[in-house]
C-alpha atoms as a PDB file:
ATOM      1  CA  MET A   1     125.651  95.335 105.249  1.00  0.00           C
ATOM      2  CA  LEU A   2     124.507  92.999 107.986  1.00  0.00           C
ATOM      3  CA  MET A   3     126.099  95.326 110.525  1.00  0.00           C
ATOM      4  CA  ALA A   4     123.887  98.159 109.254  1.00  0.00           C
ATOM      5  CA  GLN A   5     120.852  95.895 109.445  1.00  0.00           C
ATOM      6  CA  ARG A   6     121.716  94.935 113.021  1.00  0.00           C
ATOM      7  CA  ILE A   7     122.194  98.525 114.153  1.00  0.00           C
ATOM      8  CA  MET A   8     118.925  99.652 112.603  1.00  0.00           C
ATOM      9  CA  ALA A   9     116.963  96.726 113.998  1.00  0.00           C
ATOM     10  CA  GLU A  10     118.321  96.823 117.524  1.00  0.00           C
ATOM     11  CA  ASN A  11     117.705 100.552 117.843  1.00  0.00           C
ATOM     12  CA  GLY A  12     114.520 100.852 115.833  1.00  0.00           C
ATOM     13  CA  ILE A  13     116.012 103.802 113.943  1.00  0.00           C
ATOM     14  CA  THR A  14     117.633 104.594 110.621  1.00  0.00           C
ATOM     15  CA  MET A  15     121.307 105.042 109.825  1.00  0.00           C
ATOM     16  CA  THR A  16     120.706 108.769 109.303  1.00  0.00           C
ATOM     17  CA  GLU A  17     119.633 109.075 112.911  1.00  0.00           C
ATOM     18  CA  ILE A  18     122.633 107.079 114.049  1.00  0.00           C
ATOM     19  CA  GLU A  19     124.856 109.658 112.367  1.00  0.00           C
ATOM     20  CA  GLY A  20     123.258 112.370 114.462  1.00  0.00           C
ATOM     21  CA  ASN A  21     120.926 113.809 111.851  1.00  0.00           C
ATOM     22  CA  ASN A  22     117.847 115.103 113.637  1.00  0.00           C
ATOM     23  CA  SER A  23     115.844 115.732 110.462  1.00  0.00           C
ATOM     24  CA  PHE A  24     113.907 112.458 110.734  1.00  0.00           C
ATOM     25  CA  SER A  25     110.480 112.591 109.123  1.00  0.00           C
ATOM     26  CA  ASN A  26     107.810 110.274 107.787  1.00  0.00           C
ATOM     27  CA  GLU A  27     108.339 111.551 104.255  1.00  0.00           C
ATOM     28  CA  VAL A  28     107.918 108.753 101.718  1.00  0.00           C
ATOM     29  CA  VAL A  29     110.129 109.133  98.660  1.00  0.00           C
ATOM     30  CA  ASP A  30     110.866 107.334  95.402  1.00  0.00           C
ATOM     31  CA  ILE A  31     114.583 107.180  94.650  1.00  0.00           C
ATOM     32  CA  PRO A  32     116.203 105.787  91.477  1.00  0.00           C
ATOM     33  CA  ILE A  33     118.508 102.847  92.035  1.00  0.00           C
ATOM     34  CA  THR A  34     119.750 102.513  88.468  1.00  0.00           C
ATOM     35  CA  SER A  35     119.877 104.589  85.291  1.00  0.00           C
ATOM     36  CA  PRO A  36     116.902 104.306  82.891  1.00  0.00           C
ATOM     37  CA  TYR A  37     118.703 101.916  80.599  1.00  0.00           C
ATOM     38  CA  ARG A  38     119.074  98.179  80.410  1.00  0.00           C
ATOM     39  CA  THR A  39     119.410  96.809  83.938  1.00  0.00           C
ATOM     40  CA  PRO A  40     121.075  93.432  84.638  1.00  0.00           C
ATOM     41  CA  TRP A  41     118.471  90.804  85.504  1.00  0.00           C
ATOM     42  CA  TRP A  42     119.860  90.248  88.984  1.00  0.00           C
ATOM     43  CA  HIS A  43     119.682  93.889  90.094  1.00  0.00           C
ATOM     44  CA  LYS A  44     115.931  93.599  90.730  1.00  0.00           C
ATOM     45  CA  ILE A  45     116.367  90.427  92.790  1.00  0.00           C
ATOM     46  CA  LEU A  46     119.136  92.017  94.839  1.00  0.00           C
ATOM     47  CA  ALA A  47     117.155  95.236  95.304  1.00  0.00           C
ATOM     48  CA  THR A  48     114.167  93.232  96.516  1.00  0.00           C
ATOM     49  CA  VAL A  49     116.293  91.411  99.098  1.00  0.00           C
ATOM     50  CA  ILE A  50     117.818  94.662 100.344  1.00  0.00           C
ATOM     51  CA  GLY A  51     114.487  96.471 100.347  1.00  0.00           C
ATOM     52  CA  GLU A  52     112.915  93.768 102.499  1.00  0.00           C
ATOM     53  CA  ASN A  53     115.675  94.201 105.065  1.00  0.00           C
ATOM     54  CA  PHE A  54     115.825  97.995 105.065  1.00  0.00           C
ATOM     55  CA  ARG A  55     112.087  98.774 105.084  1.00  0.00           C
ATOM     56  CA  CYS A  56     111.838  99.714 101.412  1.00  0.00           C
ATOM     57  CA  GLU A  57     110.098  98.356  98.329  1.00  0.00           C
ATOM     58  CA  ALA A  58     111.918  97.841  95.026  1.00  0.00           C
ATOM     59  CA  TYR A  59     110.027  98.273  91.753  1.00  0.00           C
ATOM     60  CA  TYR A  60     110.447  99.202  88.101  1.00  0.00           C
ATOM     61  CA  TYR A  61     109.291 102.592  86.829  1.00  0.00           C
ATOM     62  CA  THR A  62     108.801 102.585  83.064  1.00  0.00           C
ATOM     63  CA  ILE A  63     108.435 105.635  80.847  1.00  0.00           C
ATOM     64  CA  ASN A  64     109.017 105.978  77.099  1.00  0.00           C
ATOM     65  CA  GLN A  65     109.857 102.263  76.959  1.00  0.00           C
ATOM     66  CA  LYS A  66     112.739 102.759  79.396  1.00  0.00           C
ATOM     67  CA  SER A  67     112.657 101.066  82.788  1.00  0.00           C
ATOM     68  CA  GLN A  68     114.357 102.351  85.901  1.00  0.00           C
ATOM     69  CA  LEU A  69     114.765 100.425  89.134  1.00  0.00           C
ATOM     70  CA  MET A  70     113.481 102.395  92.137  1.00  0.00           C
ATOM     71  CA  PHE A  71     113.223 102.214  95.908  1.00  0.00           C
ATOM     72  CA  ILE A  72     110.197 103.600  97.720  1.00  0.00           C
ATOM     73  CA  GLY A  73     110.375 104.090 101.469  1.00  0.00           C
ATOM     74  CA  LEU A  74     111.040 106.628 104.174  1.00  0.00           C
ATOM     75  CA  LYS A  75     113.714 109.036 103.001  1.00  0.00           C
ATOM     76  CA  GLN A  76     116.232 107.920 105.602  1.00  0.00           C
ATOM     77  CA  ASP A  77     115.707 104.240 104.859  1.00  0.00           C
ATOM     78  CA  THR A  78     116.009 104.650 101.089  1.00  0.00           C
ATOM     79  CA  GLU A  79     119.297 106.488 101.502  1.00  0.00           C
ATOM     80  CA  VAL A  80     120.716 103.561 103.466  1.00  0.00           C
ATOM     81  CA  ALA A  81     119.249 100.999 101.057  1.00  0.00           C
ATOM     82  CA  ILE A  82     120.798 102.746  98.036  1.00  0.00           C
ATOM     83  CA  LYS A  83     124.249 102.714  99.607  1.00  0.00           C
ATOM     84  CA  VAL A  84     123.916  99.082 100.618  1.00  0.00           C
ATOM     85  CA  PHE A  85     122.689  98.167  97.126  1.00  0.00           C
ATOM     86  CA  ASN A  86     125.603  99.891  95.392  1.00  0.00           C
ATOM     87  CA  TYR A  87     128.085  98.259  97.739  1.00  0.00           C
ATOM     88  CA  ALA A  88     126.552  94.825  97.160  1.00  0.00           C
ATOM     89  CA  VAL A  89     126.594  95.286  93.373  1.00  0.00           C
ATOM     90  CA  ASN A  90     130.287  96.135  93.469  1.00  0.00           C
ATOM     91  CA  ALA A  91     131.021  93.135  95.681  1.00  0.00           C
ATOM     92  CA  ILE A  92     129.065  90.751  93.448  1.00  0.00           C
ATOM     93  CA  ASN A  93     130.745  92.048  90.288  1.00  0.00           C
ATOM     94  CA  TYR A  94     134.170  91.713  91.890  1.00  0.00           C
ATOM     95  CA  HIS A  95     133.733  88.176  93.211  1.00  0.00           C
ATOM     96  CA  THR A  96     131.999  86.966  90.053  1.00  0.00           C
ATOM     97  CA  ALA A  97     134.803  88.268  87.843  1.00  0.00           C
ATOM     98  CA  LYS A  98     137.359  86.671  90.153  1.00  0.00           C
ATOM     99  CA  TYR A  99     135.539  83.328  89.995  1.00  0.00           C
ATOM    100  CA  ILE A 100     135.314  83.388  86.191  1.00  0.00           C
ATOM    101  CA  GLU A 101     138.995  84.259  85.917  1.00  0.00           C
ATOM    102  CA  GLN A 102     139.884  81.275  88.087  1.00  0.00           C
ATOM    103  CA  LEU A 103     137.827  79.005  85.843  1.00  0.00           C
ATOM    104  CA  LYS A 104     139.545  80.335  82.735  1.00  0.00           C
ATOM    105  CA  ARG A 105     142.955  79.648  84.233  1.00  0.00           C
ATOM    106  CA  GLY A 106     141.772  76.123  84.965  1.00  0.00           C
ATOM    107  CA  GLY A 107     140.987  75.508  81.296  1.00  0.00           C
ATOM    108  CA  VAL A 108     137.192  75.720  81.436  1.00  0.00           C
ATOM    109  CA  ASN A 109     135.111  76.056  78.269  1.00  0.00           C
ATOM    110  CA  ASN A 110     135.780  79.630  77.108  1.00  0.00           C
ATOM    111  CA  LYS A 111     132.734  79.986  74.893  1.00  0.00           C
ATOM    112  CA  PRO A 112     131.044  83.315  75.780  1.00  0.00           C
ATOM    113  CA  LEU A 113     127.561  81.809  76.061  1.00  0.00           C
ATOM    114  CA  TYR A 114     128.762  79.150  78.492  1.00  0.00           C
ATOM    115  CA  LEU A 115     130.692  81.653  80.610  1.00  0.00           C
ATOM    116  CA  THR A 116     127.648  83.912  80.748  1.00  0.00           C
ATOM    117  CA  GLY A 117     125.611  80.993  82.064  1.00  0.00           C
ATOM    118  CA  ILE A 118     128.253  80.204  84.678  1.00  0.00           C
ATOM    119  CA  ARG A 119     128.355  83.851  85.694  1.00  0.00           C
ATOM    120  CA  ASN A 120     124.585  83.922  86.136  1.00  0.00           C
ATOM    121  CA  ASP A 121     124.665  80.705  88.187  1.00  0.00           C
ATOM    122  CA  TYR A 122     127.265  82.237  90.493  1.00  0.00           C
ATOM    123  CA  ILE A 123     125.361  85.507  90.915  1.00  0.00           C
ATOM    124  CA  LEU A 124     122.092  83.722  91.670  1.00  0.00           C
ATOM    125  CA  GLY A 125     123.863  81.637  94.292  1.00  0.00           C
ATOM    126  CA  TYR A 126     125.447  84.729  95.808  1.00  0.00           C
ATOM    127  CA  ILE A 127     122.136  86.542  96.198  1.00  0.00           C
ATOM    128  CA  ASP A 128     120.437  83.435  97.592  1.00  0.00           C
ATOM    129  CA  GLY A 129     123.258  83.115 100.116  1.00  0.00           C
ATOM    130  CA  LEU A 130     122.900  86.736 101.142  1.00  0.00           C
ATOM    131  CA  ARG A 131     119.115  86.381 101.429  1.00  0.00           C
ATOM    132  CA  ASP A 132     119.464  83.320 103.648  1.00  0.00           C
ATOM    133  CA  LYS A 133     122.013  85.136 105.796  1.00  0.00           C
ATOM    134  CA  PHE A 134     119.605  88.043 106.247  1.00  0.00           C
ATOM    135  CA  ASN A 135     116.758  85.678 107.129  1.00  0.00           C
ATOM    136  CA  GLU A 136     118.960  83.863 109.622  1.00  0.00           C
ATOM    137  CA  GLN A 137     119.892  87.140 111.315  1.00  0.00           C
ATOM    138  CA  VAL A 138     116.267  88.266 111.476  1.00  0.00           C
ATOM    139  CA  GLU A 139     115.108  84.983 113.013  1.00  0.00           C
ATOM    140  CA  LYS A 140     118.026  84.728 115.434  1.00  0.00           C
ATOM    141  CA  ASN A 141     117.575  88.265 116.767  1.00  0.00           C
ATOM    142  CA  ASN A 142     113.765  88.492 116.566  1.00  0.00           C
ATOM    143  CA  TRP A 143     113.885  91.469 114.190  1.00  0.00           C
ATOM    144  CA  ALA A 144     110.782  90.613 112.155  1.00  0.00           C
ATOM    145  CA  LEU A 145     108.493  93.198 113.755  1.00  0.00           C
ATOM    146  CA  ILE A 146     111.172  95.896 113.836  1.00  0.00           C
ATOM    147  CA  LEU A 147     111.874  95.574 110.103  1.00  0.00           C
ATOM    148  CA  ILE A 148     108.235  95.917 109.029  1.00  0.00           C
ATOM    149  CA  LYS A 149     107.757  98.793 106.604  1.00  0.00           C
ATOM    150  CA  ASP A 150     106.270 102.025 107.930  1.00  0.00           C
ATOM    151  CA  ASP A 151     102.493 102.305 107.455  1.00  0.00           C
ATOM    152  CA  ALA A 152     102.979 105.334 105.211  1.00  0.00           C
ATOM    153  CA  VAL A 153     105.242 103.293 102.939  1.00  0.00           C
ATOM    154  CA  ILE A 154     102.801 100.393 102.777  1.00  0.00           C
ATOM    155  CA  GLU A 155     100.002 102.787 101.834  1.00  0.00           C
ATOM    156  CA  ALA A 156     102.121 104.489  99.162  1.00  0.00           C
ATOM    157  CA  VAL A 157     103.049 101.136  97.631  1.00  0.00           C
ATOM    158  CA  GLU A 158      99.409 100.030  97.563  1.00  0.00           C
ATOM    159  CA  LYS A 159      98.400 103.243  95.792  1.00  0.00           C
ATOM    160  CA  LYS A 160     100.893 102.530  93.025  1.00  0.00           C
ATOM    161  CA  GLY A 161      99.160  99.251  92.220  1.00  0.00           C
ATOM    162  CA  LEU A 162     102.450  97.633  91.290  1.00  0.00           C
ATOM    163  CA  ARG A 163     102.290  94.559  89.097  1.00  0.00           C
ATOM    164  CA  LYS A 164     104.816  91.816  88.511  1.00  0.00           C
ATOM    165  CA  GLY A 165     106.763  92.345  85.324  1.00  0.00           C
ATOM    166  CA  ARG A 166     107.465  89.765  82.683  1.00  0.00           C
ATOM    167  CA  ARG A 167     110.053  87.197  83.626  1.00  0.00           C
ATOM    168  CA  SER A 168     113.198  87.682  81.570  1.00  0.00           C
ATOM    169  CA  SER A 169     114.781  84.835  79.674  1.00  0.00           C
ATOM    170  CA  ILE A 170     118.097  84.261  81.433  1.00  0.00           C
ATOM    171  CA  ASN A 171     120.883  81.997  80.228  1.00  0.00           C
ATOM    172  CA  PHE A 172     122.012  79.635  82.990  1.00  0.00           C
ATOM    173  CA  ALA A 173     124.614  76.902  82.696  1.00  0.00           C
ATOM    174  CA  CYS A 174     122.958  75.057  85.609  1.00  0.00           C
ATOM    175  CA  SER A 175     126.353  74.543  87.208  1.00  0.00           C
ATOM    176  CA  ASP A 176     125.999  73.286  90.772  1.00  0.00           C
ATOM    177  CA  ASN A 177     129.604  74.262  91.472  1.00  0.00           C
ATOM    178  CA  ALA A 178     129.154  77.854  90.297  1.00  0.00           C
ATOM    179  CA  TYR A 179     125.922  78.267  92.243  1.00  0.00           C
ATOM    180  CA  ALA A 180     127.406  76.738  95.402  1.00  0.00           C
ATOM    181  CA  SER A 181     130.517  78.927  95.160  1.00  0.00           C
ATOM    182  CA  GLY A 182     128.382  82.043  94.832  1.00  0.00           C
ATOM    183  CA  TYR A 183     126.123  80.919  97.656  1.00  0.00           C
ATOM    184  CA  ARG A 184     129.059  80.441 100.021  1.00  0.00           C
ATOM    185  CA  LYS A 185     130.444  83.851  99.150  1.00  0.00           C
ATOM    186  CA  GLY A 186     127.064  85.471  99.763  1.00  0.00           C
ATOM    187  CA  ARG A 187     126.861  83.801 103.161  1.00  0.00           C
ATOM    188  CA  GLU A 188     130.343  85.077 104.027  1.00  0.00           C
ATOM    189  CA  PHE A 189     129.633  88.640 102.964  1.00  0.00           C
ATOM    190  CA  GLU A 190     129.725  90.275 106.397  1.00  0.00           C
ATOM    191  CA  THR A 191     133.107  88.856 107.347  1.00  0.00           C
ATOM    192  CA  ARG A 192     135.107  89.855 104.285  1.00  0.00           C
ATOM    193  CA  GLU A 193     138.183  91.571 105.743  1.00  0.00           C
ATOM    194  CA  GLY A 194     136.245  94.241 107.600  1.00  0.00           C
ATOM    195  CA  LEU A 195     134.636  95.616 104.445  1.00  0.00           C
ATOM    196  CA  ILE A 196     131.246  95.866 106.105  1.00  0.00           C
ATOM    197  CA  GLU A 197     132.560  97.956 108.964  1.00  0.00           C
ATOM    198  CA  SER A 198     134.372 100.318 106.603  1.00  0.00           C
ATOM    199  CA  GLN A 199     131.248 100.679 104.476  1.00  0.00           C
ATOM    200  CA  ASN A 200     129.153 101.540 107.510  1.00  0.00           C
ATOM    201  CA  ALA A 201     131.738 104.108 108.558  1.00  0.00           C
ATOM    202  CA  SER A 202     131.271 105.865 105.229  1.00  0.00           C
ATOM    203  CA  MET A 203     127.477 105.740 105.389  1.00  0.00           C
END
């Protein structure tokens, strides 16, 4: 993920262009991130972090009382952001499940409500760690201006008049250990056994 961010920032282009696609345009598109069903609370937070680093905006589109998480941005950027989002979701689910399994083997409280709270603590820590890693990379490499959204995207977002949704009631166990473990894993994301490089190769 951070490798993709670095390539885009240093070259001022999108991953589609890197792959040799010459069909670059300033077309602004809205692309669904999730299905129009119940979306885990943390998907919006993760999508926001990724959108900020891949020149997109994440928002909820609601119709017939069903909400769908969307990206709006230049077509090429949204395609990259979607792939990065899906990869990050899979990684978070994997590491969270692994962490919970380790706790169970250690004899932790197995009550479902408590484990859900621990899981949420871990996920929040993971995303915060990833966000801080992104911010560190941006500051270190002076990418701030390069990663600014295209003017056409900014205008399209303003026209939508997006409003903040209601804050969901989330069950947290307030476990410092779970949060810290997730945070460390989020910070380590780019160095996990070459997974980032293999993901970029498939993009």
